[in-house]
PDB file of all heavy atoms in Angstrom:
ATOM      1  N   ILE A   1       2.877 236.845 -62.915  1.00  0.00           N
ATOM      2  CA  ILE A   1       1.736 236.030 -63.444  1.00  0.00           C
ATOM      3  C   ILE A   1       0.695 235.963 -62.431  1.00  0.00           C
ATOM      4  O   ILE A   1       0.851 236.035 -61.275  1.00  0.00           O
ATOM      5  CB  ILE A   1       2.258 234.616 -63.859  1.00  0.00           C
ATOM      6  CG1 ILE A   1       2.857 233.883 -62.623  1.00  0.00           C
ATOM      7  CG2 ILE A   1       3.284 234.671 -64.954  1.00  0.00           C
ATOM      8  CD1 ILE A   1       3.327 232.499 -62.949  1.00  0.00           C
ATOM      9  N   LYS A   2      -0.533 235.630 -62.913  1.00  0.00           N
ATOM     10  CA  LYS A   2      -1.688 235.682 -62.102  1.00  0.00           C
ATOM     11  C   LYS A   2      -1.911 234.243 -61.505  1.00  0.00           C
ATOM     12  O   LYS A   2      -2.287 234.136 -60.288  1.00  0.00           O
ATOM     13  CB  LYS A   2      -2.974 235.993 -62.903  1.00  0.00           C
ATOM     14  CG  LYS A   2      -4.266 236.094 -62.103  1.00  0.00           C
ATOM     15  CD  LYS A   2      -5.442 236.639 -62.953  1.00  0.00           C
ATOM     16  CE  LYS A   2      -6.726 236.664 -62.172  1.00  0.00           C
ATOM     17  NZ  LYS A   2      -7.140 235.411 -61.752  1.00  0.00           N
ATOM     18  N   ASP A   3      -1.777 233.243 -62.234  1.00  0.00           N
ATOM     19  CA  ASP A   3      -1.923 231.820 -61.750  1.00  0.00           C
ATOM     20  C   ASP A   3      -0.694 231.011 -62.013  1.00  0.00           C
ATOM     21  O   ASP A   3       0.059 231.273 -62.985  1.00  0.00           O
ATOM     22  CB  ASP A   3      -3.221 231.173 -62.501  1.00  0.00           C
ATOM     23  CG  ASP A   3      -4.488 231.915 -62.165  1.00  0.00           C
ATOM     24  OD1 ASP A   3      -4.765 232.185 -61.042  1.00  0.00           O
ATOM     25  OD2 ASP A   3      -5.250 232.224 -63.139  1.00  0.00           O
ATOM     26  N   SER A   4      -0.583 229.954 -61.227  1.00  0.00           N
ATOM     27  CA  SER A   4       0.681 229.119 -61.386  1.00  0.00           C
ATOM     28  C   SER A   4       0.425 228.243 -62.643  1.00  0.00           C
ATOM     29  O   SER A   4       1.465 227.772 -63.265  1.00  0.00           O
ATOM     30  CB  SER A   4       0.819 228.164 -60.257  1.00  0.00           C
ATOM     31  OG  SER A   4      -0.249 227.311 -60.064  1.00  0.00           O
ATOM     32  N   GLY A   5      -0.781 228.013 -63.166  1.00  0.00           N
ATOM     33  CA  GLY A   5      -0.989 227.291 -64.294  1.00  0.00           C
ATOM     34  C   GLY A   5      -2.512 227.400 -64.744  1.00  0.00           C
ATOM     35  O   GLY A   5      -3.283 228.234 -64.201  1.00  0.00           O
ATOM     36  N   ARG A   6      -2.881 226.613 -65.784  1.00  0.00           N
ATOM     37  CA  ARG A   6      -4.243 226.740 -66.256  1.00  0.00           C
ATOM     38  C   ARG A   6      -4.932 225.338 -66.381  1.00  0.00           C
ATOM     39  O   ARG A   6      -5.906 225.191 -67.014  1.00  0.00           O
ATOM     40  CB  ARG A   6      -4.189 227.319 -67.712  1.00  0.00           C
ATOM     41  CG  ARG A   6      -3.551 228.762 -67.740  1.00  0.00           C
ATOM     42  CD  ARG A   6      -3.685 229.314 -69.162  1.00  0.00           C
ATOM     43  NE  ARG A   6      -3.043 230.633 -69.179  1.00  0.00           N
ATOM     44  CZ  ARG A   6      -2.862 231.269 -70.402  1.00  0.00           C
ATOM     45  NH1 ARG A   6      -3.237 230.708 -71.532  1.00  0.00           N
ATOM     46  NH2 ARG A   6      -2.289 232.538 -70.262  1.00  0.00           N
ATOM     47  N   ILE A   7      -4.328 224.303 -65.629  1.00  0.00           N
ATOM     48  CA  ILE A   7      -4.778 222.983 -65.825  1.00  0.00           C
ATOM     49  C   ILE A   7      -6.182 222.733 -65.198  1.00  0.00           C
ATOM     50  O   ILE A   7      -6.910 221.862 -65.618  1.00  0.00           O
ATOM     51  CB  ILE A   7      -3.821 221.989 -65.320  1.00  0.00           C
ATOM     52  CG1 ILE A   7      -4.159 220.567 -65.803  1.00  0.00           C
ATOM     53  CG2 ILE A   7      -3.660 222.081 -63.740  1.00  0.00           C
ATOM     54  CD1 ILE A   7      -3.005 219.529 -65.481  1.00  0.00           C
ATOM     55  N   LEU A   8      -6.550 223.591 -64.209  1.00  0.00           N
ATOM     56  CA  LEU A   8      -7.799 223.406 -63.574  1.00  0.00           C
ATOM     57  C   LEU A   8      -8.714 224.590 -63.860  1.00  0.00           C
ATOM     58  O   LEU A   8      -8.594 225.676 -63.318  1.00  0.00           O
ATOM     59  CB  LEU A   8      -7.534 223.383 -62.022  1.00  0.00           C
ATOM     60  CG  LEU A   8      -6.605 222.311 -61.460  1.00  0.00           C
ATOM     61  CD1 LEU A   8      -6.358 222.388 -60.019  1.00  0.00           C
ATOM     62  CD2 LEU A   8      -7.193 220.905 -61.743  1.00  0.00           C
ATOM     63  N   PRO A   9      -9.715 224.388 -64.687  1.00  0.00           N
ATOM     64  CA  PRO A   9     -10.657 225.473 -65.081  1.00  0.00           C
ATOM     65  C   PRO A   9     -11.251 226.111 -63.848  1.00  0.00           C
ATOM     66  O   PRO A   9     -11.843 225.501 -62.950  1.00  0.00           O
ATOM     67  CB  PRO A   9     -11.711 224.747 -65.857  1.00  0.00           C
ATOM     68  CG  PRO A   9     -11.042 223.540 -66.377  1.00  0.00           C
ATOM     69  CD  PRO A   9     -10.052 223.135 -65.315  1.00  0.00           C
ATOM     70  N   GLY A  10     -11.118 227.514 -63.830  1.00  0.00           N
ATOM     71  CA  GLY A  10     -11.754 228.292 -62.733  1.00  0.00           C
ATOM     72  C   GLY A  10     -10.803 228.329 -61.430  1.00  0.00           C
ATOM     73  O   GLY A  10     -11.105 229.042 -60.569  1.00  0.00           O
ATOM     74  N   HIS A  11      -9.759 227.506 -61.438  1.00  0.00           N
ATOM     75  CA  HIS A  11      -8.937 227.389 -60.232  1.00  0.00           C
ATOM     76  C   HIS A  11      -7.461 227.724 -60.448  1.00  0.00           C
ATOM     77  O   HIS A  11      -6.713 227.775 -59.555  1.00  0.00           O
ATOM     78  CB  HIS A  11      -9.044 226.002 -59.646  1.00  0.00           C
ATOM     79  CG  HIS A  11     -10.369 225.714 -58.999  1.00  0.00           C
ATOM     80  ND1 HIS A  11     -10.593 225.901 -57.679  1.00  0.00           N
ATOM     81  CD2 HIS A  11     -11.535 225.255 -59.536  1.00  0.00           C
ATOM     82  CE1 HIS A  11     -11.891 225.493 -57.379  1.00  0.00           C
ATOM     83  NE2 HIS A  11     -12.474 225.116 -58.494  1.00  0.00           N
ATOM     84  N   GLY A  12      -7.105 227.892 -61.745  1.00  0.00           N
ATOM     85  CA  GLY A  12      -5.728 228.138 -62.033  1.00  0.00           C
ATOM     86  C   GLY A  12      -4.968 226.832 -62.134  1.00  0.00           C
ATOM     87  O   GLY A  12      -5.311 225.873 -62.809  1.00  0.00           O
ATOM     88  N   GLY A  13      -3.841 226.775 -61.406  1.00  0.00           N
ATOM     89  CA  GLY A  13      -2.992 225.587 -61.486  1.00  0.00           C
ATOM     90  C   GLY A  13      -2.956 224.707 -60.223  1.00  0.00           C
ATOM     91  O   GLY A  13      -3.616 224.978 -59.217  1.00  0.00           O
ATOM     92  N   VAL A  14      -2.219 223.634 -60.333  1.00  0.00           N
ATOM     93  CA  VAL A  14      -2.138 222.751 -59.087  1.00  0.00           C
ATOM     94  C   VAL A  14      -1.540 223.419 -58.026  1.00  0.00           C
ATOM     95  O   VAL A  14      -2.033 223.361 -56.818  1.00  0.00           O
ATOM     96  CB  VAL A  14      -1.362 221.455 -59.577  1.00  0.00           C
ATOM     97  CG1 VAL A  14      -1.008 220.627 -58.236  1.00  0.00           C
ATOM     98  CG2 VAL A  14      -2.117 220.569 -60.539  1.00  0.00           C
ATOM     99  N   VAL A  15      -0.457 224.174 -58.220  1.00  0.00           N
ATOM    100  CA  VAL A  15       0.237 224.861 -57.027  1.00  0.00           C
ATOM    101  C   VAL A  15      -0.682 225.886 -56.382  1.00  0.00           C
ATOM    102  O   VAL A  15      -0.627 226.058 -55.207  1.00  0.00           O
ATOM    103  CB  VAL A  15       1.579 225.490 -57.576  1.00  0.00           C
ATOM    104  CG1 VAL A  15       2.191 226.376 -56.456  1.00  0.00           C
ATOM    105  CG2 VAL A  15       2.570 224.481 -57.999  1.00  0.00           C
ATOM    106  N   ASP A  16      -1.555 226.516 -57.222  1.00  0.00           N
ATOM    107  CA  ASP A  16      -2.512 227.465 -56.674  1.00  0.00           C
ATOM    108  C   ASP A  16      -3.478 226.626 -55.700  1.00  0.00           C
ATOM    109  O   ASP A  16      -4.017 227.252 -54.681  1.00  0.00           O
ATOM    110  CB  ASP A  16      -3.426 228.052 -57.737  1.00  0.00           C
ATOM    111  CG  ASP A  16      -2.663 229.025 -58.625  1.00  0.00           C
ATOM    112  OD1 ASP A  16      -1.851 229.792 -57.966  1.00  0.00           O
ATOM    113  OD2 ASP A  16      -2.793 228.926 -59.773  1.00  0.00           O
ATOM    114  N   ARG A  17      -3.694 225.449 -55.791  1.00  0.00           N
ATOM    115  CA  ARG A  17      -4.635 224.698 -55.013  1.00  0.00           C
ATOM    116  C   ARG A  17      -3.870 223.996 -53.810  1.00  0.00           C
ATOM    117  O   ARG A  17      -4.590 223.694 -52.831  1.00  0.00           O
ATOM    118  CB  ARG A  17      -5.423 223.615 -55.743  1.00  0.00           C
ATOM    119  CG  ARG A  17      -6.267 224.262 -56.850  1.00  0.00           C
ATOM    120  CD  ARG A  17      -7.620 224.729 -56.479  1.00  0.00           C
ATOM    121  NE  ARG A  17      -7.528 225.770 -55.316  1.00  0.00           N
ATOM    122  CZ  ARG A  17      -7.460 227.065 -55.708  1.00  0.00           C
ATOM    123  NH1 ARG A  17      -7.307 227.492 -56.905  1.00  0.00           N
ATOM    124  NH2 ARG A  17      -7.360 227.915 -54.734  1.00  0.00           N
ATOM    125  N   ILE A  18      -2.629 223.765 -53.965  1.00  0.00           N
ATOM    126  CA  ILE A  18      -1.949 223.053 -52.874  1.00  0.00           C
ATOM    127  C   ILE A  18      -0.963 223.910 -52.056  1.00  0.00           C
ATOM    128  O   ILE A  18      -0.281 223.336 -51.230  1.00  0.00           O
ATOM    129  CB  ILE A  18      -1.284 221.742 -53.403  1.00  0.00           C
ATOM    130  CG1 ILE A  18      -0.083 222.167 -54.266  1.00  0.00           C
ATOM    131  CG2 ILE A  18      -2.221 220.899 -54.078  1.00  0.00           C
ATOM    132  CD1 ILE A  18       0.873 220.988 -54.748  1.00  0.00           C
ATOM    133  N   ASP A  19      -0.939 225.178 -52.325  1.00  0.00           N
ATOM    134  CA  ASP A  19       0.091 226.010 -51.731  1.00  0.00           C
ATOM    135  C   ASP A  19       0.059 225.944 -50.210  1.00  0.00           C
ATOM    136  O   ASP A  19       1.211 225.696 -49.640  1.00  0.00           O
ATOM    137  CB  ASP A  19      -0.117 227.534 -52.155  1.00  0.00           C
ATOM    138  CG  ASP A  19      -1.609 228.023 -52.061  1.00  0.00           C
ATOM    139  OD1 ASP A  19      -2.429 227.265 -51.417  1.00  0.00           O
ATOM    140  OD2 ASP A  19      -1.800 229.115 -52.397  1.00  0.00           O
ATOM    141  N   ALA A  20      -1.064 226.051 -49.553  1.00  0.00           N
ATOM    142  CA  ALA A  20      -1.079 225.859 -48.125  1.00  0.00           C
ATOM    143  C   ALA A  20      -0.863 224.521 -47.669  1.00  0.00           C
ATOM    144  O   ALA A  20      -0.121 224.263 -46.621  1.00  0.00           O
ATOM    145  CB  ALA A  20      -2.467 226.342 -47.569  1.00  0.00           C
ATOM    146  N   LEU A  21      -1.313 223.478 -48.406  1.00  0.00           N
ATOM    147  CA  LEU A  21      -0.966 222.074 -48.077  1.00  0.00           C
ATOM    148  C   LEU A  21       0.412 221.726 -48.081  1.00  0.00           C
ATOM    149  O   LEU A  21       0.989 220.883 -47.412  1.00  0.00           O
ATOM    150  CB  LEU A  21      -1.809 221.145 -48.999  1.00  0.00           C
ATOM    151  CG  LEU A  21      -3.298 221.124 -48.880  1.00  0.00           C
ATOM    152  CD1 LEU A  21      -3.947 220.435 -50.055  1.00  0.00           C
ATOM    153  CD2 LEU A  21      -3.701 220.490 -47.513  1.00  0.00           C
ATOM    154  N   LEU A  22       1.184 222.487 -48.923  1.00  0.00           N
ATOM    155  CA  LEU A  22       2.632 222.155 -49.067  1.00  0.00           C
ATOM    156  C   LEU A  22       3.302 222.397 -47.736  1.00  0.00           C
ATOM    157  O   LEU A  22       4.234 221.778 -47.314  1.00  0.00           O
ATOM    158  CB  LEU A  22       3.290 223.048 -50.071  1.00  0.00           C
ATOM    159  CG  LEU A  22       2.951 222.811 -51.624  1.00  0.00           C
ATOM    160  CD1 LEU A  22       3.548 223.875 -52.527  1.00  0.00           C
ATOM    161  CD2 LEU A  22       3.466 221.431 -52.001  1.00  0.00           C
ATOM    162  N   ALA A  23       2.860 223.456 -47.009  1.00  0.00           N
ATOM    163  CA  ALA A  23       3.498 223.781 -45.689  1.00  0.00           C
ATOM    164  C   ALA A  23       2.854 223.061 -44.592  1.00  0.00           C
ATOM    165  O   ALA A  23       3.497 222.956 -43.548  1.00  0.00           O
ATOM    166  CB  ALA A  23       3.297 225.343 -45.433  1.00  0.00           C
ATOM    167  N   VAL A  24       1.689 222.533 -44.592  1.00  0.00           N
ATOM    168  CA  VAL A  24       0.946 221.880 -43.610  1.00  0.00           C
ATOM    169  C   VAL A  24       1.202 220.415 -43.404  1.00  0.00           C
ATOM    170  O   VAL A  24       1.360 219.832 -42.297  1.00  0.00           O
ATOM    171  CB  VAL A  24      -0.576 222.216 -43.627  1.00  0.00           C
ATOM    172  CG1 VAL A  24      -1.365 221.397 -42.598  1.00  0.00           C
ATOM    173  CG2 VAL A  24      -0.898 223.686 -43.478  1.00  0.00           C
TER     174      VAL A  24
END
């Protein structure tokens, strides 16, 4: 799949936005 979700227009999903934050 291309994006983790579609909830954020233009950004994909929440996991797409927090992936690096999850580790940091």
